Amino acid sequence: MSFSVAFFHMEKFESFRGRFLRYNGGEEHVFHGLDPDRWSYFEALSILKEEFKYDGAMKLWWKLKRGWMIGI
């Protein structure tokens, strides 16, 4: 079983209708076929460094489709 993850970058999240967050501007990149047994914070950093060439400080948040946003 695999899953997909979306990375949003180059802009910011903002409040939408007072309750929700949405990403305003920037880019969204979706990666499919990820292995849940190997997925980790370090796997996410690896994707950011390899695919987007980020090498500085980064902030990561994650959210299940119907869950709350969590910062790590």
N, C-alpha and C. Protein backbone atom coordinates (compact mmCIF):
# COMPACT_ATOMS: atom_id res chain seq x y z
N MET A 1 0.85 -1.18 0.00
CA MET A 1 0.00 0.00 0.00
C MET A 1 0.89 1.24 0.00
N SER A 2 0.56 2.21 -0.80
CA SER A 2 1.33 3.44 -0.87
C SER A 2 0.42 4.64 -0.63
N PHE A 3 1.03 5.81 -0.50
CA PHE A 3 0.25 7.03 -0.30
C PHE A 3 0.91 8.16 -1.08
N SER A 4 0.22 9.28 -1.13
CA SER A 4 0.71 10.48 -1.82
C SER A 4 0.89 11.60 -0.81
N VAL A 5 1.79 12.51 -1.12
CA VAL A 5 2.01 13.69 -0.27
C VAL A 5 2.14 14.91 -1.18
N ALA A 6 1.60 16.04 -0.71
CA ALA A 6 1.70 17.30 -1.45
C ALA A 6 2.59 18.25 -0.67
N PHE A 7 3.54 18.86 -1.37
CA PHE A 7 4.39 19.89 -0.79
C PHE A 7 3.95 21.23 -1.37
N PHE A 8 3.70 22.19 -0.49
CA PHE A 8 3.37 23.55 -0.88
C PHE A 8 4.56 24.42 -0.48
N HIS A 9 5.03 25.26 -1.39
CA HIS A 9 6.17 26.10 -1.05
C HIS A 9 6.18 27.40 -1.84
N MET A 10 6.96 28.34 -1.34
CA MET A 10 7.20 29.66 -1.94
C MET A 10 6.12 30.67 -1.62
N GLU A 11 5.22 30.40 -0.72
CA GLU A 11 4.24 31.38 -0.26
C GLU A 11 3.81 31.04 1.15
N LYS A 12 2.52 31.20 1.48
CA LYS A 12 2.09 31.02 2.86
C LYS A 12 0.66 30.52 2.96
N PHE A 13 0.35 29.93 4.11
CA PHE A 13 -1.02 29.55 4.43
C PHE A 13 -1.73 30.77 5.01
N GLU A 14 -3.03 30.87 4.77
CA GLU A 14 -3.80 31.97 5.34
C GLU A 14 -5.17 31.46 5.77
N SER A 15 -5.79 32.22 6.67
CA SER A 15 -7.11 31.87 7.16
C SER A 15 -8.13 32.01 6.04
N PHE A 16 -9.07 31.07 5.99
CA PHE A 16 -10.10 31.06 4.96
C PHE A 16 -11.44 30.81 5.64
N ARG A 17 -12.36 31.75 5.52
CA ARG A 17 -13.68 31.67 6.14
C ARG A 17 -13.60 31.51 7.66
N GLY A 18 -12.54 32.03 8.25
CA GLY A 18 -12.40 32.07 9.69
C GLY A 18 -12.05 30.75 10.37
N ARG A 19 -12.17 29.62 9.68
CA ARG A 19 -11.93 28.32 10.31
C ARG A 19 -10.88 27.49 9.60
N PHE A 20 -10.70 27.71 8.33
CA PHE A 20 -9.87 26.83 7.53
C PHE A 20 -8.58 27.52 7.11
N LEU A 21 -7.62 26.74 6.72
CA LEU A 21 -6.40 27.26 6.13
C LEU A 21 -6.38 26.91 4.65
N ARG A 22 -5.87 27.83 3.87
CA ARG A 22 -5.63 27.52 2.45
C ARG A 22 -4.29 28.12 2.08
N TYR A 23 -3.71 27.56 1.06
CA TYR A 23 -2.40 28.02 0.61
C TYR A 23 -2.61 29.08 -0.45
N ASN A 24 -2.04 30.25 -0.22
CA ASN A 24 -2.23 31.38 -1.12
C ASN A 24 -0.98 31.56 -1.97
N GLY A 25 -1.10 31.31 -3.27
CA GLY A 25 0.02 31.48 -4.19
C GLY A 25 1.00 30.33 -4.11
N GLY A 26 2.20 30.56 -4.58
CA GLY A 26 3.24 29.54 -4.51
C GLY A 26 3.00 28.37 -5.42
N GLU A 27 3.62 27.26 -5.09
CA GLU A 27 3.54 26.06 -5.91
C GLU A 27 3.15 24.85 -5.08
N GLU A 28 2.52 23.90 -5.73
CA GLU A 28 2.17 22.63 -5.11
C GLU A 28 2.76 21.50 -5.95
N HIS A 29 3.46 20.59 -5.29
CA HIS A 29 4.04 19.43 -5.96
C HIS A 29 3.58 18.18 -5.23
N VAL A 30 3.02 17.22 -5.96
CA VAL A 30 2.50 16.00 -5.37
C VAL A 30 3.40 14.83 -5.76
N PHE A 31 3.74 14.03 -4.76
CA PHE A 31 4.55 12.83 -4.96
C PHE A 31 3.68 11.62 -4.64
N HIS A 32 3.61 10.68 -5.56
CA HIS A 32 2.78 9.49 -5.42
C HIS A 32 3.65 8.25 -5.19
N GLY A 33 3.01 7.21 -4.68
CA GLY A 33 3.69 5.93 -4.54
C GLY A 33 4.68 5.85 -3.40
N LEU A 34 4.49 6.66 -2.35
CA LEU A 34 5.40 6.64 -1.21
C LEU A 34 5.07 5.48 -0.29
N ASP A 35 6.10 4.91 0.30
CA ASP A 35 5.96 3.74 1.18
C ASP A 35 5.72 4.20 2.62
N PRO A 36 4.57 3.87 3.22
CA PRO A 36 4.29 4.31 4.59
C PRO A 36 5.24 3.71 5.62
N ASP A 37 5.86 2.59 5.32
CA ASP A 37 6.81 1.97 6.26
C ASP A 37 8.16 2.69 6.27
N ARG A 38 8.42 3.47 5.25
CA ARG A 38 9.69 4.20 5.16
C ARG A 38 9.51 5.70 5.39
N TRP A 39 8.29 6.19 5.41
CA TRP A 39 8.03 7.63 5.51
C TRP A 39 8.43 8.16 6.88
N SER A 40 9.12 9.30 6.88
CA SER A 40 9.56 9.92 8.13
C SER A 40 9.86 11.40 7.85
N TYR A 41 10.14 12.10 8.91
CA TYR A 41 10.58 13.48 8.81
C TYR A 41 11.81 13.57 7.91
N PHE A 42 12.73 12.64 8.07
CA PHE A 42 13.97 12.67 7.29
C PHE A 42 13.73 12.35 5.81
N GLU A 43 12.75 11.51 5.51
CA GLU A 43 12.37 11.25 4.12
C GLU A 43 11.82 12.52 3.48
N ALA A 44 11.00 13.26 4.23
CA ALA A 44 10.45 14.53 3.73
C ALA A 44 11.58 15.52 3.46
N LEU A 45 12.53 15.64 4.39
CA LEU A 45 13.67 16.54 4.18
C LEU A 45 14.47 16.14 2.95
N SER A 46 14.65 14.85 2.76
CA SER A 46 15.38 14.35 1.61
C SER A 46 14.71 14.78 0.30
N ILE A 47 13.40 14.66 0.23
CA ILE A 47 12.67 15.08 -0.97
C ILE A 47 12.86 16.58 -1.19
N LEU A 48 12.75 17.38 -0.13
CA LEU A 48 12.90 18.83 -0.27
C LEU A 48 14.30 19.20 -0.75
N LYS A 49 15.30 18.53 -0.24
CA LYS A 49 16.68 18.83 -0.63
C LYS A 49 16.98 18.37 -2.05
N GLU A 50 16.51 17.19 -2.42
CA GLU A 50 16.81 16.65 -3.75
C GLU A 50 15.97 17.28 -4.86
N GLU A 51 14.68 17.39 -4.64
CA GLU A 51 13.77 17.86 -5.69
C GLU A 51 13.72 19.38 -5.81
N PHE A 52 13.79 20.08 -4.66
CA PHE A 52 13.62 21.53 -4.67
C PHE A 52 14.92 22.29 -4.38
N LYS A 53 15.99 21.55 -4.12
CA LYS A 53 17.31 22.14 -3.85
C LYS A 53 17.32 23.05 -2.63
N TYR A 54 16.44 22.80 -1.66
CA TYR A 54 16.48 23.54 -0.40
C TYR A 54 17.63 23.01 0.42
N ASP A 55 18.40 23.93 1.01
CA ASP A 55 19.50 23.48 1.86
C ASP A 55 19.59 24.28 3.16
N GLY A 56 18.68 25.20 3.36
CA GLY A 56 18.69 26.00 4.57
C GLY A 56 17.65 25.53 5.57
N ALA A 57 17.28 26.41 6.47
CA ALA A 57 16.28 26.10 7.49
C ALA A 57 14.91 25.93 6.83
N MET A 58 14.17 24.93 7.29
CA MET A 58 12.84 24.65 6.75
C MET A 58 11.88 24.40 7.90
N LYS A 59 10.63 24.72 7.70
CA LYS A 59 9.58 24.38 8.65
C LYS A 59 8.62 23.43 7.94
N LEU A 60 8.26 22.36 8.62
CA LEU A 60 7.33 21.38 8.05
C LEU A 60 6.08 21.28 8.90
N TRP A 61 4.94 21.19 8.24
CA TRP A 61 3.67 20.91 8.88
C TRP A 61 3.05 19.75 8.14
N TRP A 62 2.28 18.96 8.83
CA TRP A 62 1.58 17.88 8.14
C TRP A 62 0.14 17.85 8.58
N LYS A 63 -0.70 17.32 7.70
CA LYS A 63 -2.13 17.27 7.96
C LYS A 63 -2.73 16.11 7.18
N LEU A 64 -3.50 15.29 7.87
CA LEU A 64 -4.28 14.27 7.17
C LEU A 64 -5.40 14.95 6.42
N LYS A 65 -5.98 14.28 5.46
CA LYS A 65 -7.01 14.90 4.64
C LYS A 65 -8.12 15.56 5.46
N ARG A 66 -8.56 14.91 6.51
CA ARG A 66 -9.63 15.47 7.34
C ARG A 66 -9.16 15.73 8.77
N GLY A 67 -7.88 16.07 8.93
CA GLY A 67 -7.32 16.29 10.26
C GLY A 67 -6.90 17.72 10.49
N TRP A 68 -6.17 17.93 11.58
CA TRP A 68 -5.66 19.25 11.96
C TRP A 68 -4.22 19.40 11.47
N MET A 69 -3.80 20.64 11.25
CA MET A 69 -2.44 20.94 10.85
C MET A 69 -1.52 20.82 12.08
N ILE A 70 -0.40 20.11 11.91
CA ILE A 70 0.53 19.89 13.01
C ILE A 70 1.93 20.31 12.56
N GLY A 71 2.59 21.14 13.35
CA GLY A 71 3.95 21.57 13.03
C GLY A 71 4.97 20.61 13.62
N ILE A 72 6.04 20.36 12.86
CA ILE A 72 7.12 19.50 13.38
C ILE A 72 8.45 20.20 13.19
